[in-house]
Structure formats: structure tokens, C-alpha cells
Protein backbone atom coordinates (compact mmCIF):
# COMPACT_ATOMS: atom_id res chain seq x y z
CA MET A 1 -50.43 21.03 255.31
CA THR A 2 -51.14 24.15 257.01
CA ARG A 3 -48.12 23.97 259.36
CA PHE A 4 -46.17 22.82 256.49
CA ILE A 5 -47.28 26.24 254.84
CA LYS A 6 -46.64 28.37 257.91
CA ALA A 7 -42.92 27.01 258.22
CA ILE A 8 -42.10 28.10 254.53
CA PRO A 9 -39.03 30.24 254.97
CA PRO A 10 -40.06 33.58 253.61
CA SER A 11 -37.54 33.67 250.72
CA GLN A 12 -38.68 30.46 249.44
CA ARG A 13 -42.62 31.11 249.87
CA PRO A 14 -42.94 33.45 246.21
CA LEU A 15 -41.55 30.50 244.65
CA PHE A 16 -43.10 28.03 246.46
CA ASP A 17 -46.98 29.88 245.77
CA ARG A 18 -45.95 30.38 242.29
CA LEU A 19 -45.53 26.57 241.66
CA GLN A 20 -48.71 25.27 243.63
CA GLY A 21 -50.82 28.24 241.90
CA LEU A 22 -49.32 26.12 238.73
CA ILE A 23 -50.30 22.39 239.90
CA LEU A 24 -53.68 23.74 241.30
CA GLY A 25 -54.59 25.62 238.23
CA MET A 26 -53.89 22.91 235.83
CA CYS A 27 -55.54 20.59 238.43
CA PRO A 28 -57.75 22.43 240.62
CA ASP A 29 -59.38 19.06 241.91
CA ALA A 30 -56.02 17.53 242.99
CA GLU A 31 -55.59 15.76 245.88
CA VAL A 32 -53.39 17.56 248.45
CA ARG A 33 -51.92 15.85 251.68
CA ILE A 34 -48.49 16.14 253.23
CA SER A 35 -47.04 12.43 251.79
CA TYR A 36 -42.97 12.17 252.65
CA GLY A 37 -42.92 15.26 254.92
CA VAL A 38 -44.09 17.09 251.64
CA PRO A 39 -46.84 18.25 249.57
CA ARG A 40 -48.28 15.90 247.30
CA TYR A 41 -50.71 16.40 244.82
CA ARG A 42 -52.71 13.95 242.92
CA ALA A 43 -54.30 14.12 239.95
CA PRO A 44 -57.71 12.55 238.70
CA SER A 45 -55.58 10.68 236.79
CA GLY A 46 -54.09 8.91 240.05
CA ARG A 47 -50.75 10.31 239.01
CA TYR A 48 -48.65 12.42 241.18
CA VAL A 49 -46.00 15.42 242.01
CA PHE A 50 -44.19 16.87 245.16
CA LEU A 51 -43.14 19.87 245.94
CA GLY A 52 -40.23 19.97 248.60
CA LEU A 53 -38.13 22.60 250.16
CA TRP A 54 -33.97 22.92 249.84
CA LYS A 55 -31.86 25.62 250.88
CA GLN A 56 -31.81 27.40 247.81
CA GLY A 57 -35.21 27.00 246.89
CA VAL A 58 -37.93 24.42 245.66
CA SER A 59 -37.66 21.44 243.81
CA LEU A 60 -40.82 19.56 241.74
CA HIS A 61 -40.40 16.05 242.18
CA ALA A 62 -41.99 12.59 240.89
CA VAL A 63 -40.89 13.51 237.12
CA ASP A 64 -40.45 11.56 234.37
CA PHE A 65 -37.26 11.98 233.04
CA GLU A 66 -38.25 12.51 229.16
CA VAL A 67 -39.66 15.06 230.69
CA ILE A 68 -36.70 16.43 232.75
CA ALA A 69 -34.18 16.07 229.63
CA ALA A 70 -36.73 18.90 227.48
CA PHE A 71 -36.85 21.29 230.38
CA LYS A 72 -32.90 21.12 230.75
CA GLU A 73 -32.28 21.73 227.27
CA ARG A 74 -34.78 25.07 227.69
CA TYR A 75 -33.38 25.82 230.56
CA PRO A 76 -29.42 24.24 231.42
CA HIS A 77 -29.44 27.09 234.38
CA ILE A 78 -31.96 25.18 236.25
CA LYS A 79 -30.53 22.27 238.25
CA THR A 80 -32.11 18.92 238.14
CA GLY A 81 -31.75 15.19 239.74
CA LYS A 82 -33.33 12.06 239.63
CA GLY A 83 -37.11 12.33 238.95
CA SER A 84 -36.96 16.71 239.73
CA LEU A 85 -36.28 19.83 239.08
CA ASN A 86 -35.21 22.14 241.07
CA PHE A 87 -35.53 25.84 240.95
CA LYS A 88 -33.72 28.14 242.93
CA THR A 89 -35.72 31.09 244.63
CA THR A 90 -33.68 33.51 241.61
CA ASP A 91 -33.94 31.41 238.79
CA GLU A 92 -35.92 32.79 235.58
CA PHE A 93 -38.44 30.38 233.88
CA THR A 94 -41.98 30.92 232.44
CA ASP A 95 -44.69 29.59 233.63
CA ALA A 96 -45.49 27.86 230.23
CA ALA A 97 -42.36 25.59 230.47
CA VAL A 98 -43.55 24.30 233.63
CA LYS A 99 -47.01 23.75 232.68
CA LYS A 100 -46.12 21.64 230.00
CA VAL A 101 -44.06 19.65 232.45
CA LEU A 102 -47.16 19.09 234.73
CA LYS A 103 -49.02 18.79 231.56
CA ASN A 104 -47.19 15.75 230.85
CA VAL A 105 -46.94 14.33 234.46
CA LEU A 106 -50.63 14.86 235.75
CA SER A 107 -51.75 13.73 232.54
């Protein structure tokens, strides 16, 4: 995990740290390991999310379609994919909105 963190480009690091902080803040007992080449955060419930890097930002993967649709209604400017929220480093969103997503995914 340390190697992955050290390799994050400086422009993406604040966003990565923010999203990781929200995950660990909501699920401090999460098991963290590298899986599929990116960090995976597994809750005691057995459910999990991934944080991955892409050219313009950081993606939150393993999100249910219904949760993505609700998030997209509130933040139509944020790119989404099948099972992911793809945050650009310049995107504006609230921590509360991401926590709502995480609550639905990790519970």
C-alpha cells in the first residue's frame, strides 16, 4: 500500500487523501489491501470499495447503480461509469454526499 501511495502524482494526492479519509472515517476497521492494482477497503460487513487513479483524478469503484444514479442527480458534472464515481481533481462535491454513497455501499 505504501508503494501505491508514494506513486500518486502530487496533483491527485489531495483528492485521494480526501476520499480515503472519508472511507476510513466511516469504516475505521476496514481491511485495506492492494487488489487489482489499487487500494481496496473492505468493511467488517464484507462489502468493499476501491480507489483508483485515472489521468484527471480519482475513482471510487464498486458502487451500486442506484447509488450512482442518486449521486448523479445532485452532481451531474461528475463523471460516472458502470459501478464508479470518477472525480476530477477540480470537481466540487460535499463530503456529506460521498459519505451517503459510502454508507449505502459499505453497510
